[in-house]
Amino acid sequence: MSKADLPYRPCAGVMLVNRDGRVFVGQRVDSTLEAWQMPQGGIDPGEDALTAAIRELGEETGVAPDKVTLVAEAPDEFYYDLPDDLFGKVWQGKWRGQRQRWFLFRFLGEDSDVDIDTAHKEFRAWRWADPSDLPTMIVPFKKALYEAVLTAFQPHLAASETR
């Protein structure tokens, strides 16, 4: 089956911004790359994107729902295709890439409320990053996606800097 014949995996992504206007990023446990990414994951059958985003945030960062507040939802879905070297190797070869709904959350907690050593451990390290650095930190095939997410949330990020 060719890549063009496969659907996109439905997914939710989270841009988690702290009081200083910096964004949570983690390094995946299943990659040796120095790349960093924001929390994201699949939307389960029957689950809406916001519920999936909150669930994935908890599964990947240990951050409880009462430690965040929703600021914005990106107006459109974003898509990316897997590069040829990963196509057929991830997600049991069922998807050509992902279609993602993105949400911007303000982090209300403290760094001690973040615990990446979760039951669904996905990150080996985490830190807060400047939003403008995100496209250079992600794996190259997701760079355009991260630029689109940044563009969608830019009005809210600028407002958060002045608080």
C-alpha atoms as a PDB file:
ATOM      1  CA  MET A   1       0.000   0.000   0.000  1.00  0.00           C
ATOM      2  CA  SER A   2       1.365   3.431  -0.871  1.00  0.00           C
ATOM      3  CA  LYS A   3       1.590   6.307   1.565  1.00  0.00           C
ATOM      4  CA  ALA A   4      -1.060   8.262  -0.357  1.00  0.00           C
ATOM      5  CA  ASP A   5      -3.588   5.456   0.249  1.00  0.00           C
ATOM      6  CA  LEU A   6      -3.336   5.657   4.039  1.00  0.00           C
ATOM      7  CA  PRO A   7      -5.248   8.014   6.354  1.00  0.00           C
ATOM      8  CA  TYR A   8      -3.786  10.499   8.813  1.00  0.00           C
ATOM      9  CA  ARG A   9      -3.735   9.543  12.491  1.00  0.00           C
ATOM     10  CA  PRO A  10      -6.035  11.813  14.542  1.00  0.00           C
ATOM     11  CA  CYS A  11      -3.986  13.502  17.217  1.00  0.00           C
ATOM     12  CA  ALA A  12      -4.080  16.276  19.818  1.00  0.00           C
ATOM     13  CA  GLY A  13      -1.148  18.519  20.698  1.00  0.00           C
ATOM     14  CA  VAL A  14      -0.491  20.778  23.671  1.00  0.00           C
ATOM     15  CA  MET A  15       1.514  23.971  23.880  1.00  0.00           C
ATOM     16  CA  LEU A  16       1.968  24.388  27.641  1.00  0.00           C
ATOM     17  CA  VAL A  17       3.181  27.883  28.561  1.00  0.00           C
ATOM     18  CA  ASN A  18       4.468  28.809  32.004  1.00  0.00           C
ATOM     19  CA  ARG A  19       4.265  32.179  33.794  1.00  0.00           C
ATOM     20  CA  ASP A  20       7.456  33.327  32.046  1.00  0.00           C
ATOM     21  CA  GLY A  21       6.000  32.698  28.585  1.00  0.00           C
ATOM     22  CA  ARG A  22       8.193  29.644  28.031  1.00  0.00           C
ATOM     23  CA  VAL A  23       6.934  26.390  26.514  1.00  0.00           C
ATOM     24  CA  PHE A  24       7.264  22.830  27.842  1.00  0.00           C
ATOM     25  CA  VAL A  25       9.340  20.559  25.607  1.00  0.00           C
ATOM     26  CA  GLY A  26      10.534  17.009  26.141  1.00  0.00           C
ATOM     27  CA  GLN A  27      13.029  14.645  24.546  1.00  0.00           C
ATOM     28  CA  ARG A  28      11.434  11.369  23.478  1.00  0.00           C
ATOM     29  CA  VAL A  29      12.660   8.158  25.124  1.00  0.00           C
ATOM     30  CA  ASP A  30      12.450   6.287  21.791  1.00  0.00           C
ATOM     31  CA  SER A  31      14.808   8.611  19.962  1.00  0.00           C
ATOM     32  CA  THR A  32      18.514   9.296  20.242  1.00  0.00           C
ATOM     33  CA  LEU A  33      18.092  12.617  18.456  1.00  0.00           C
ATOM     34  CA  GLU A  34      18.623  15.851  20.333  1.00  0.00           C
ATOM     35  CA  ALA A  35      15.181  16.932  19.127  1.00  0.00           C
ATOM     36  CA  TRP A  36      12.615  18.281  21.586  1.00  0.00           C
ATOM     37  CA  GLN A  37       8.849  18.262  21.174  1.00  0.00           C
ATOM     38  CA  MET A  38       5.653  19.429  22.834  1.00  0.00           C
ATOM     39  CA  PRO A  39       3.231  16.867  24.308  1.00  0.00           C
ATOM     40  CA  GLN A  40       0.988  15.213  21.733  1.00  0.00           C
ATOM     41  CA  GLY A  41      -0.731  11.934  21.095  1.00  0.00           C
ATOM     42  CA  GLY A  42      -3.513  10.025  19.461  1.00  0.00           C
ATOM     43  CA  ILE A  43      -7.194  10.737  19.920  1.00  0.00           C
ATOM     44  CA  ASP A  44      -8.963   7.571  21.051  1.00  0.00           C
ATOM     45  CA  PRO A  45     -12.177   6.438  19.305  1.00  0.00           C
ATOM     46  CA  GLY A  46     -15.111   8.401  20.732  1.00  0.00           C
ATOM     47  CA  GLU A  47     -12.818  10.915  22.456  1.00  0.00           C
ATOM     48  CA  ASP A  48     -12.904  14.606  21.569  1.00  0.00           C
ATOM     49  CA  ALA A  49      -9.668  16.464  20.855  1.00  0.00           C
ATOM     50  CA  LEU A  50      -9.687  18.601  24.019  1.00  0.00           C
ATOM     51  CA  THR A  51     -10.206  15.563  26.243  1.00  0.00           C
ATOM     52  CA  ALA A  52      -7.374  13.795  24.409  1.00  0.00           C
ATOM     53  CA  ALA A  53      -5.096  16.818  24.838  1.00  0.00           C
ATOM     54  CA  ILE A  54      -5.670  16.912  28.599  1.00  0.00           C
ATOM     55  CA  ARG A  55      -5.204  13.132  28.852  1.00  0.00           C
ATOM     56  CA  GLU A  56      -2.000  13.173  26.808  1.00  0.00           C
ATOM     57  CA  LEU A  57      -0.639  16.078  28.848  1.00  0.00           C
ATOM     58  CA  GLY A  58      -1.137  14.047  32.015  1.00  0.00           C
ATOM     59  CA  GLU A  59       0.244  10.835  30.523  1.00  0.00           C
ATOM     60  CA  GLU A  60       3.384  12.528  29.197  1.00  0.00           C
ATOM     61  CA  THR A  61       4.130  15.233  31.788  1.00  0.00           C
ATOM     62  CA  GLY A  62       2.316  14.201  34.957  1.00  0.00           C
ATOM     63  CA  VAL A  63       0.626  17.633  34.965  1.00  0.00           C
ATOM     64  CA  ALA A  64      -2.863  17.364  36.484  1.00  0.00           C
ATOM     65  CA  PRO A  65      -5.859  19.055  34.809  1.00  0.00           C
ATOM     66  CA  ASP A  66      -6.251  21.456  37.762  1.00  0.00           C
ATOM     67  CA  LYS A  67      -2.751  22.830  37.048  1.00  0.00           C
ATOM     68  CA  VAL A  68      -3.685  24.197  33.611  1.00  0.00           C
ATOM     69  CA  THR A  69      -6.206  26.525  32.053  1.00  0.00           C
ATOM     70  CA  LEU A  70      -7.205  26.537  28.389  1.00  0.00           C
ATOM     71  CA  VAL A  71      -6.157  29.727  26.603  1.00  0.00           C
ATOM     72  CA  ALA A  72      -6.890  28.913  22.957  1.00  0.00           C
ATOM     73  CA  GLU A  73      -7.545  26.215  20.379  1.00  0.00           C
ATOM     74  CA  ALA A  74      -5.926  26.484  16.967  1.00  0.00           C
ATOM     75  CA  PRO A  75      -8.641  27.278  14.395  1.00  0.00           C
ATOM     76  CA  ASP A  76      -7.530  24.574  11.955  1.00  0.00           C
ATOM     77  CA  GLU A  77      -6.125  21.068  11.986  1.00  0.00           C
ATOM     78  CA  PHE A  78      -2.466  20.733  11.071  1.00  0.00           C
ATOM     79  CA  TYR A  79      -1.040  17.842   9.047  1.00  0.00           C
ATOM     80  CA  TYR A  80       2.337  16.255   8.583  1.00  0.00           C
ATOM     81  CA  ASP A  81       3.541  13.246   6.604  1.00  0.00           C
ATOM     82  CA  LEU A  82       6.026  10.756   7.947  1.00  0.00           C
ATOM     83  CA  PRO A  83       9.382  10.826   6.166  1.00  0.00           C
ATOM     84  CA  ASP A  84      10.074   7.815   3.958  1.00  0.00           C
ATOM     85  CA  ASP A  85      12.536   6.275   6.438  1.00  0.00           C
ATOM     86  CA  LEU A  86       9.803   6.082   9.118  1.00  0.00           C
ATOM     87  CA  PHE A  87       6.854   5.274   6.872  1.00  0.00           C
ATOM     88  CA  GLY A  88       5.533   1.781   7.637  1.00  0.00           C
ATOM     89  CA  LYS A  89       7.690   1.497  10.774  1.00  0.00           C
ATOM     90  CA  VAL A  90       5.612   3.465  13.290  1.00  0.00           C
ATOM     91  CA  TRP A  91       1.941   3.019  14.246  1.00  0.00           C
ATOM     92  CA  GLN A  92       2.043  -0.504  12.734  1.00  0.00           C
ATOM     93  CA  GLY A  93       2.111   1.086   9.277  1.00  0.00           C
ATOM     94  CA  LYS A  94      -1.553   2.169   9.537  1.00  0.00           C
ATOM     95  CA  TRP A  95      -1.035   5.926   9.032  1.00  0.00           C
ATOM     96  CA  ARG A  96       0.753   8.198   6.547  1.00  0.00           C
ATOM     97  CA  GLY A  97       1.249  10.913   9.168  1.00  0.00           C
ATOM     98  CA  GLN A  98      -0.874  12.868  11.589  1.00  0.00           C
ATOM     99  CA  ARG A  99      -3.696  15.391  11.547  1.00  0.00           C
ATOM    100  CA  GLN A 100      -3.526  17.355  14.742  1.00  0.00           C
ATOM    101  CA  ARG A 101      -5.732  19.647  16.823  1.00  0.00           C
ATOM    102  CA  TRP A 102      -3.592  21.965  18.948  1.00  0.00           C
ATOM    103  CA  PHE A 103      -4.440  23.606  22.275  1.00  0.00           C
ATOM    104  CA  LEU A 104      -2.638  26.336  24.188  1.00  0.00           C
ATOM    105  CA  PHE A 105      -2.730  25.911  27.959  1.00  0.00           C
ATOM    106  CA  ARG A 106      -1.359  28.194  30.672  1.00  0.00           C
ATOM    107  CA  PHE A 107       0.550  26.222  33.330  1.00  0.00           C
ATOM    108  CA  LEU A 108      -0.650  27.278  36.778  1.00  0.00           C
ATOM    109  CA  GLY A 109       1.584  24.973  38.797  1.00  0.00           C
ATOM    110  CA  GLU A 110       5.211  24.817  39.822  1.00  0.00           C
ATOM    111  CA  ASP A 111       8.031  22.882  38.168  1.00  0.00           C
ATOM    112  CA  SER A 112       7.625  20.269  40.914  1.00  0.00           C
ATOM    113  CA  ASP A 113       4.149  19.499  39.448  1.00  0.00           C
ATOM    114  CA  VAL A 114       5.858  18.161  36.307  1.00  0.00           C
ATOM    115  CA  ASP A 115       6.800  14.478  36.487  1.00  0.00           C
ATOM    116  CA  ILE A 116       7.825  12.803  33.225  1.00  0.00           C
ATOM    117  CA  ASP A 117       8.350   9.455  34.989  1.00  0.00           C
ATOM    118  CA  THR A 118       4.773   8.418  34.235  1.00  0.00           C
ATOM    119  CA  ALA A 119       3.130   5.060  33.488  1.00  0.00           C
ATOM    120  CA  HIS A 120       3.206   6.044  29.781  1.00  0.00           C
ATOM    121  CA  LYS A 121       6.750   7.448  29.872  1.00  0.00           C
ATOM    122  CA  GLU A 122       7.510   9.238  26.600  1.00  0.00           C
ATOM    123  CA  PHE A 123      10.168  11.777  27.586  1.00  0.00           C
ATOM    124  CA  ARG A 124      13.659  11.190  28.975  1.00  0.00           C
ATOM    125  CA  ALA A 125      14.240  14.884  29.733  1.00  0.00           C
ATOM    126  CA  TRP A 126      12.224  18.105  29.769  1.00  0.00           C
ATOM    127  CA  ARG A 127      12.708  21.861  29.995  1.00  0.00           C
ATOM    128  CA  TRP A 128      11.086  25.213  29.326  1.00  0.00           C
ATOM    129  CA  ALA A 129      11.991  26.764  25.956  1.00  0.00           C
ATOM    130  CA  ASP A 130      11.474  30.069  24.230  1.00  0.00           C
ATOM    131  CA  PRO A 131       8.546  29.701  21.800  1.00  0.00           C
ATOM    132  CA  SER A 132      10.560  31.167  18.920  1.00  0.00           C
ATOM    133  CA  ASP A 133      13.114  28.326  19.297  1.00  0.00           C
ATOM    134  CA  LEU A 134      10.537  25.562  18.780  1.00  0.00           C
ATOM    135  CA  PRO A 135      10.907  25.120  14.981  1.00  0.00           C
ATOM    136  CA  THR A 136      14.675  24.608  15.329  1.00  0.00           C
ATOM    137  CA  MET A 137      14.284  22.114  18.199  1.00  0.00           C
ATOM    138  CA  ILE A 138      11.855  19.677  16.588  1.00  0.00           C
ATOM    139  CA  VAL A 139      12.673  16.848  14.179  1.00  0.00           C
ATOM    140  CA  PRO A 140      12.982  18.391  10.691  1.00  0.00           C
ATOM    141  CA  PHE A 141       9.839  16.753   9.263  1.00  0.00           C
ATOM    142  CA  LYS A 142       7.693  18.543  11.887  1.00  0.00           C
ATOM    143  CA  LYS A 143       9.280  21.989  11.464  1.00  0.00           C
ATOM    144  CA  ALA A 144       6.513  23.397   9.223  1.00  0.00           C
ATOM    145  CA  LEU A 145       3.877  22.031  11.632  1.00  0.00           C
ATOM    146  CA  TYR A 146       5.514  23.786  14.602  1.00  0.00           C
ATOM    147  CA  GLU A 147       5.742  27.022  12.611  1.00  0.00           C
ATOM    148  CA  ALA A 148       1.989  26.766  11.908  1.00  0.00           C
ATOM    149  CA  VAL A 149       1.209  26.116  15.593  1.00  0.00           C
ATOM    150  CA  LEU A 150       3.318  29.130  16.593  1.00  0.00           C
ATOM    151  CA  THR A 151       1.529  31.319  14.061  1.00  0.00           C
ATOM    152  CA  ALA A 152      -1.871  30.179  15.339  1.00  0.00           C
ATOM    153  CA  PHE A 153      -1.006  30.970  18.972  1.00  0.00           C
ATOM    154  CA  GLN A 154       1.194  34.040  18.432  1.00  0.00           C
ATOM    155  CA  PRO A 155      -1.467  36.592  19.520  1.00  0.00           C
ATOM    156  CA  HIS A 156      -1.878  34.744  22.837  1.00  0.00           C
ATOM    157  CA  LEU A 157       1.865  34.310  23.363  1.00  0.00           C
ATOM    158  CA  ALA A 158       2.528  38.012  22.864  1.00  0.00           C
ATOM    159  CA  ALA A 159      -0.197  38.867  25.377  1.00  0.00           C
ATOM    160  CA  SER A 160       1.252  36.475  27.936  1.00  0.00           C
ATOM    161  CA  GLU A 161       4.641  38.194  27.866  1.00  0.00           C
ATOM    162  CA  THR A 162       3.181  41.404  29.266  1.00  0.00           C
ATOM    163  CA  ARG A 163       0.721  39.637  31.591  1.00  0.00           C
END
